[in-house]
């Protein structure tokens, strides 16, 4: 089955602006729940091609529109996050990218995924 591209979202961080998440602390639990149900519940694997990139491999039951919408919302508070979604071969692949100085943000996301995923890393 050929891959079906899904729109790519790669905003550039403001060169002089801070790399910081602006999500209100009261919203963290809800966002984590959204990731647990919409992304991590479908996780079949993770790859870390380099420190500034995280690849989430999701099974075919992951809804591309739901994953895309969640990542777009994440860009709303983490404008330095870029992502690409690719569907095909019965799975969905989410490639997340950040500037090198924001790599710890991907470390945290990978740790949350490992804690929440239905498989053991």
N, C-alpha and C. Protein backbone atom coordinates (compact mmCIF):
# COMPACT_ATOMS: atom_id res chain seq x y z
N UNK A 1 0.85 -1.18 0.00
CA UNK A 1 0.00 0.00 0.00
C UNK A 1 0.89 1.24 0.00
N UNK A 2 0.74 2.16 -0.92
CA UNK A 2 1.57 3.36 -0.97
C UNK A 2 1.26 4.28 0.22
N UNK A 3 2.27 5.03 0.60
CA UNK A 3 2.09 5.98 1.70
C UNK A 3 1.21 7.12 1.26
N UNK A 4 0.38 7.59 2.18
CA UNK A 4 -0.48 8.74 1.92
C UNK A 4 0.06 9.90 2.75
N UNK A 5 0.61 10.92 2.09
CA UNK A 5 1.14 12.04 2.88
C UNK A 5 0.03 12.82 3.56
N UNK A 6 0.34 13.26 4.73
CA UNK A 6 -0.56 14.10 5.51
C UNK A 6 0.17 15.43 5.64
N UNK A 7 -0.53 16.55 5.65
CA UNK A 7 0.16 17.85 5.65
C UNK A 7 1.31 17.93 6.66
N UNK A 8 2.38 18.52 6.21
CA UNK A 8 3.58 18.70 7.03
C UNK A 8 3.49 20.05 7.73
N UNK A 9 3.84 20.04 8.99
CA UNK A 9 3.82 21.27 9.79
C UNK A 9 5.21 21.47 10.37
N UNK A 10 5.92 22.45 9.85
CA UNK A 10 7.27 22.72 10.32
C UNK A 10 7.44 24.21 10.60
N UNK A 11 6.86 24.69 11.66
CA UNK A 11 7.07 26.11 11.94
C UNK A 11 8.49 26.35 12.42
N UNK A 12 9.04 27.44 12.04
CA UNK A 12 10.38 27.80 12.51
C UNK A 12 10.26 28.57 13.81
N UNK A 13 11.07 28.23 14.81
CA UNK A 13 11.02 29.02 16.04
C UNK A 13 11.54 30.43 15.78
N UNK A 14 11.04 31.36 16.54
CA UNK A 14 11.53 32.73 16.43
C UNK A 14 13.01 32.71 16.80
N UNK A 15 13.87 33.23 15.94
CA UNK A 15 15.31 33.12 16.19
C UNK A 15 15.75 33.79 17.49
N UNK A 16 15.07 34.83 17.90
CA UNK A 16 15.47 35.52 19.12
C UNK A 16 14.57 35.19 20.30
N UNK A 17 13.54 34.42 20.07
CA UNK A 17 12.60 34.09 21.13
C UNK A 17 13.05 32.87 21.92
N UNK A 18 12.52 32.74 23.12
CA UNK A 18 12.89 31.58 23.94
C UNK A 18 12.23 30.31 23.41
N UNK A 19 12.89 29.21 23.63
CA UNK A 19 12.29 27.92 23.33
C UNK A 19 11.68 27.44 24.63
N UNK A 20 10.37 27.61 24.72
CA UNK A 20 9.67 27.28 25.95
C UNK A 20 8.24 26.88 25.63
N UNK A 21 7.70 26.03 26.49
CA UNK A 21 6.31 25.63 26.35
C UNK A 21 5.44 26.66 27.07
N UNK A 22 4.38 27.08 26.44
CA UNK A 22 3.50 28.08 27.05
C UNK A 22 2.19 27.47 27.54
N UNK A 23 2.10 26.12 27.57
CA UNK A 23 0.90 25.47 28.07
C UNK A 23 0.71 25.82 29.54
N UNK A 24 -0.47 26.23 29.92
CA UNK A 24 -0.75 26.58 31.31
C UNK A 24 -0.63 25.33 32.17
N UNK A 25 0.00 25.42 33.33
CA UNK A 25 0.17 24.25 34.20
C UNK A 25 -1.14 23.50 34.50
N UNK A 26 -2.25 24.21 34.54
CA UNK A 26 -3.53 23.55 34.80
C UNK A 26 -3.97 22.66 33.63
N UNK A 27 -3.33 22.81 32.47
CA UNK A 27 -3.72 22.05 31.29
C UNK A 27 -2.83 20.83 31.03
N UNK A 28 -1.76 20.65 31.82
CA UNK A 28 -0.83 19.53 31.59
C UNK A 28 -1.52 18.17 31.67
N UNK A 29 -2.31 17.96 32.71
CA UNK A 29 -2.95 16.65 32.90
C UNK A 29 -3.87 16.31 31.73
N UNK A 30 -4.63 17.28 31.26
CA UNK A 30 -5.52 17.04 30.14
C UNK A 30 -4.76 16.75 28.86
N UNK A 31 -3.67 17.46 28.63
CA UNK A 31 -2.87 17.23 27.42
C UNK A 31 -2.23 15.85 27.47
N UNK A 32 -1.74 15.45 28.65
CA UNK A 32 -1.15 14.13 28.78
C UNK A 32 -2.20 13.05 28.53
N UNK A 33 -3.40 13.25 29.04
CA UNK A 33 -4.48 12.28 28.79
C UNK A 33 -4.79 12.20 27.30
N UNK A 34 -4.78 13.34 26.62
CA UNK A 34 -5.01 13.34 25.17
C UNK A 34 -3.94 12.53 24.44
N UNK A 35 -2.68 12.71 24.85
CA UNK A 35 -1.59 11.95 24.23
C UNK A 35 -1.72 10.46 24.55
N UNK A 36 -2.08 10.14 25.79
CA UNK A 36 -2.22 8.72 26.17
C UNK A 36 -3.27 8.02 25.31
N UNK A 37 -4.41 8.67 25.12
CA UNK A 37 -5.51 8.04 24.38
C UNK A 37 -5.36 8.17 22.87
N UNK A 38 -4.90 9.32 22.40
CA UNK A 38 -4.86 9.56 20.96
C UNK A 38 -3.60 9.09 20.27
N UNK A 39 -2.50 8.96 21.03
CA UNK A 39 -1.21 8.61 20.42
C UNK A 39 -0.60 7.38 21.09
N UNK A 40 -0.29 7.49 22.37
CA UNK A 40 0.45 6.44 23.05
C UNK A 40 -0.28 5.10 23.09
N UNK A 41 -1.60 5.10 23.10
CA UNK A 41 -2.36 3.85 23.10
C UNK A 41 -2.16 3.07 21.81
N UNK A 42 -1.68 3.74 20.77
CA UNK A 42 -1.48 3.11 19.46
C UNK A 42 0.00 2.87 19.15
N UNK A 43 0.86 3.19 20.09
CA UNK A 43 2.29 3.12 19.87
C UNK A 43 2.77 1.67 19.76
N UNK A 44 3.50 1.39 18.68
CA UNK A 44 4.10 0.07 18.51
C UNK A 44 5.62 0.13 18.58
N UNK A 45 6.17 1.33 18.55
CA UNK A 45 7.60 1.50 18.64
C UNK A 45 8.00 2.95 18.57
N UNK A 46 9.26 3.20 18.93
CA UNK A 46 9.83 4.55 18.86
C UNK A 46 11.24 4.44 18.31
N UNK A 47 11.65 5.46 17.61
CA UNK A 47 13.01 5.56 17.12
C UNK A 47 13.52 6.96 17.42
N UNK A 48 14.81 7.06 17.65
CA UNK A 48 15.42 8.36 17.92
C UNK A 48 16.58 8.54 16.94
N UNK A 49 16.28 8.95 15.69
CA UNK A 49 17.34 9.10 14.68
C UNK A 49 18.45 10.05 15.10
N UNK A 50 18.11 11.06 15.86
CA UNK A 50 19.10 11.96 16.46
C UNK A 50 18.43 12.65 17.63
N UNK A 51 19.18 13.33 18.49
CA UNK A 51 18.59 13.92 19.70
C UNK A 51 17.44 14.90 19.45
N UNK A 52 17.45 15.55 18.30
CA UNK A 52 16.41 16.54 18.02
C UNK A 52 15.24 15.96 17.22
N UNK A 53 15.20 14.64 17.10
CA UNK A 53 14.14 13.99 16.33
C UNK A 53 13.63 12.75 17.04
N UNK A 54 12.30 12.60 17.06
CA UNK A 54 11.66 11.43 17.68
C UNK A 54 10.64 10.90 16.69
N UNK A 55 10.71 9.62 16.41
CA UNK A 55 9.75 8.98 15.50
C UNK A 55 8.86 8.06 16.32
N UNK A 56 7.55 8.31 16.23
CA UNK A 56 6.55 7.47 16.90
C UNK A 56 5.90 6.59 15.85
N UNK A 57 5.94 5.30 16.05
CA UNK A 57 5.34 4.34 15.14
C UNK A 57 4.01 3.90 15.75
N UNK A 58 2.93 4.19 15.03
CA UNK A 58 1.59 3.92 15.54
C UNK A 58 0.91 2.86 14.70
N UNK A 59 0.10 2.04 15.34
CA UNK A 59 -0.61 0.99 14.61
C UNK A 59 -1.70 1.59 13.73
N UNK A 60 -2.28 0.75 12.89
CA UNK A 60 -3.27 1.20 11.92
C UNK A 60 -4.57 1.70 12.51
N UNK A 61 -4.79 1.45 13.81
CA UNK A 61 -6.03 1.95 14.42
C UNK A 61 -5.93 3.40 14.86
N UNK A 62 -4.73 3.99 14.79
CA UNK A 62 -4.57 5.40 15.14
C UNK A 62 -5.27 6.25 14.08
N UNK A 63 -6.04 7.20 14.53
CA UNK A 63 -6.77 8.09 13.62
C UNK A 63 -5.85 9.25 13.21
N UNK A 64 -5.46 9.31 11.93
CA UNK A 64 -4.56 10.38 11.50
C UNK A 64 -5.07 11.78 11.83
N UNK A 65 -6.37 12.00 11.70
CA UNK A 65 -6.92 13.33 11.98
C UNK A 65 -6.78 13.68 13.46
N UNK A 66 -6.98 12.70 14.34
CA UNK A 66 -6.85 12.93 15.78
C UNK A 66 -5.40 13.22 16.15
N UNK A 67 -4.48 12.43 15.61
CA UNK A 67 -3.06 12.63 15.90
C UNK A 67 -2.61 14.00 15.37
N UNK A 68 -3.01 14.33 14.16
CA UNK A 68 -2.65 15.63 13.57
C UNK A 68 -3.19 16.78 14.42
N UNK A 69 -4.46 16.69 14.81
CA UNK A 69 -5.07 17.75 15.60
C UNK A 69 -4.35 17.93 16.93
N UNK A 70 -3.97 16.82 17.57
CA UNK A 70 -3.26 16.91 18.84
C UNK A 70 -1.88 17.55 18.65
N UNK A 71 -1.18 17.17 17.60
CA UNK A 71 0.14 17.76 17.36
C UNK A 71 0.03 19.24 16.99
N UNK A 72 -1.00 19.62 16.28
CA UNK A 72 -1.22 21.04 15.98
C UNK A 72 -1.49 21.80 17.28
N UNK A 73 -2.28 21.21 18.18
CA UNK A 73 -2.50 21.86 19.49
C UNK A 73 -1.21 21.97 20.27
N UNK A 74 -0.36 20.95 20.17
CA UNK A 74 0.93 20.99 20.86
C UNK A 74 1.80 22.11 20.29
N UNK A 75 1.72 22.34 18.98
CA UNK A 75 2.45 23.45 18.38
C UNK A 75 1.96 24.79 18.92
N UNK A 76 0.71 24.84 19.35
CA UNK A 76 0.17 26.07 19.91
C UNK A 76 0.89 26.51 21.16
N UNK A 77 1.42 25.56 21.93
CA UNK A 77 2.14 25.91 23.15
C UNK A 77 3.65 25.68 23.02
N UNK A 78 4.04 24.90 22.04
CA UNK A 78 5.46 24.62 21.77
C UNK A 78 5.72 24.93 20.30
N UNK A 79 5.80 26.22 20.00
CA UNK A 79 5.91 26.66 18.60
C UNK A 79 7.18 26.17 17.93
N UNK A 80 8.13 25.70 18.71
CA UNK A 80 9.39 25.21 18.15
C UNK A 80 9.27 23.77 17.63
N UNK A 81 8.14 23.11 17.84
CA UNK A 81 7.92 21.73 17.42
C UNK A 81 7.48 21.65 15.97
N UNK A 82 8.13 20.83 15.20
CA UNK A 82 7.72 20.54 13.84
C UNK A 82 7.37 19.07 13.75
N UNK A 83 6.48 18.71 12.86
CA UNK A 83 6.14 17.30 12.71
C UNK A 83 5.72 16.97 11.29
N UNK A 84 5.86 15.69 10.98
CA UNK A 84 5.42 15.14 9.72
C UNK A 84 4.66 13.85 10.04
N UNK A 85 3.51 13.67 9.44
CA UNK A 85 2.75 12.42 9.59
C UNK A 85 2.74 11.71 8.25
N UNK A 86 2.97 10.41 8.28
CA UNK A 86 2.92 9.60 7.07
C UNK A 86 2.12 8.35 7.37
N UNK A 87 1.09 8.11 6.57
CA UNK A 87 0.25 6.93 6.71
C UNK A 87 0.56 5.95 5.60
N UNK A 88 0.52 4.68 5.93
CA UNK A 88 0.73 3.66 4.91
C UNK A 88 1.16 2.35 5.52
N UNK A 89 1.01 1.28 4.80
CA UNK A 89 1.40 -0.04 5.25
C UNK A 89 0.77 -0.41 6.59
N UNK A 90 -0.47 0.03 6.80
CA UNK A 90 -1.18 -0.32 8.02
C UNK A 90 -0.68 0.35 9.27
N UNK A 91 -0.01 1.47 9.11
CA UNK A 91 0.48 2.20 10.29
C UNK A 91 0.53 3.69 10.00
N UNK A 92 0.77 4.44 11.06
CA UNK A 92 0.94 5.89 10.98
C UNK A 92 2.27 6.21 11.64
N UNK A 93 3.08 7.02 10.98
CA UNK A 93 4.38 7.41 11.52
C UNK A 93 4.35 8.91 11.78
N UNK A 94 4.68 9.28 13.01
CA UNK A 94 4.77 10.70 13.39
C UNK A 94 6.23 11.02 13.66
N UNK A 95 6.83 11.86 12.82
CA UNK A 95 8.19 12.33 13.02
C UNK A 95 8.12 13.70 13.66
N UNK A 96 8.68 13.81 14.84
CA UNK A 96 8.69 15.08 15.58
C UNK A 96 10.10 15.63 15.56
N UNK A 97 10.22 16.94 15.31
CA UNK A 97 11.53 17.58 15.25
C UNK A 97 11.52 18.88 16.04
N UNK A 98 12.63 19.15 16.68
CA UNK A 98 12.80 20.39 17.43
C UNK A 98 14.21 20.91 17.18
N UNK A 99 14.47 22.18 17.45
CA UNK A 99 15.85 22.66 17.39
C UNK A 99 16.70 21.90 18.42
N UNK A 100 17.99 21.79 18.16
CA UNK A 100 18.88 21.01 19.02
C UNK A 100 18.76 21.40 20.49
N UNK A 101 18.62 22.69 20.77
CA UNK A 101 18.55 23.13 22.16
C UNK A 101 17.25 22.72 22.85
N UNK A 102 16.26 22.25 22.09
CA UNK A 102 14.99 21.80 22.67
C UNK A 102 14.90 20.27 22.75
N UNK A 103 16.00 19.57 22.48
CA UNK A 103 15.99 18.10 22.53
C UNK A 103 15.47 17.55 23.85
N UNK A 104 15.72 18.18 25.01
CA UNK A 104 15.16 17.65 26.25
C UNK A 104 13.63 17.55 26.25
N UNK A 105 12.96 18.39 25.45
CA UNK A 105 11.50 18.28 25.35
C UNK A 105 11.11 16.95 24.73
N UNK A 106 11.88 16.49 23.74
CA UNK A 106 11.61 15.18 23.14
C UNK A 106 11.98 14.05 24.09
N UNK A 107 13.02 14.26 24.92
CA UNK A 107 13.37 13.26 25.93
C UNK A 107 12.17 13.02 26.85
N UNK A 108 11.56 14.11 27.29
CA UNK A 108 10.41 14.00 28.18
C UNK A 108 9.23 13.32 27.52
N UNK A 109 8.98 13.66 26.27
CA UNK A 109 7.88 13.03 25.54
C UNK A 109 8.13 11.53 25.36
N UNK A 110 9.36 11.16 25.05
CA UNK A 110 9.70 9.74 24.90
C UNK A 110 9.51 9.00 26.21
N UNK A 111 9.88 9.61 27.32
CA UNK A 111 9.70 8.97 28.63
C UNK A 111 8.22 8.78 28.94
N UNK A 112 7.42 9.79 28.65
CA UNK A 112 5.97 9.66 28.87
C UNK A 112 5.38 8.57 27.99
N UNK A 113 5.85 8.49 26.76
CA UNK A 113 5.37 7.45 25.85
C UNK A 113 5.70 6.06 26.39
N UNK A 114 6.94 5.90 26.86
CA UNK A 114 7.34 4.60 27.42
C UNK A 114 6.51 4.21 28.62
N UNK A 115 6.15 5.17 29.46
CA UNK A 115 5.34 4.89 30.64
C UNK A 115 3.89 4.58 30.28
N UNK A 116 3.41 5.14 29.18
CA UNK A 116 2.01 5.04 28.82
C UNK A 116 1.69 4.01 27.76
N UNK A 117 2.70 3.61 26.98
CA UNK A 117 2.46 2.74 25.83
C UNK A 117 2.06 1.33 26.26
N UNK A 118 1.32 0.64 25.41
CA UNK A 118 0.88 -0.71 25.73
C UNK A 118 1.97 -1.77 25.58
N UNK A 119 3.15 -1.37 25.16
CA UNK A 119 4.27 -2.30 25.00
C UNK A 119 5.39 -1.89 25.94
N UNK A 120 6.30 -2.76 26.18
CA UNK A 120 7.44 -2.47 27.05
C UNK A 120 8.61 -2.10 26.17
N UNK A 121 9.20 -0.93 26.44
CA UNK A 121 10.34 -0.44 25.63
C UNK A 121 11.58 -1.27 25.90
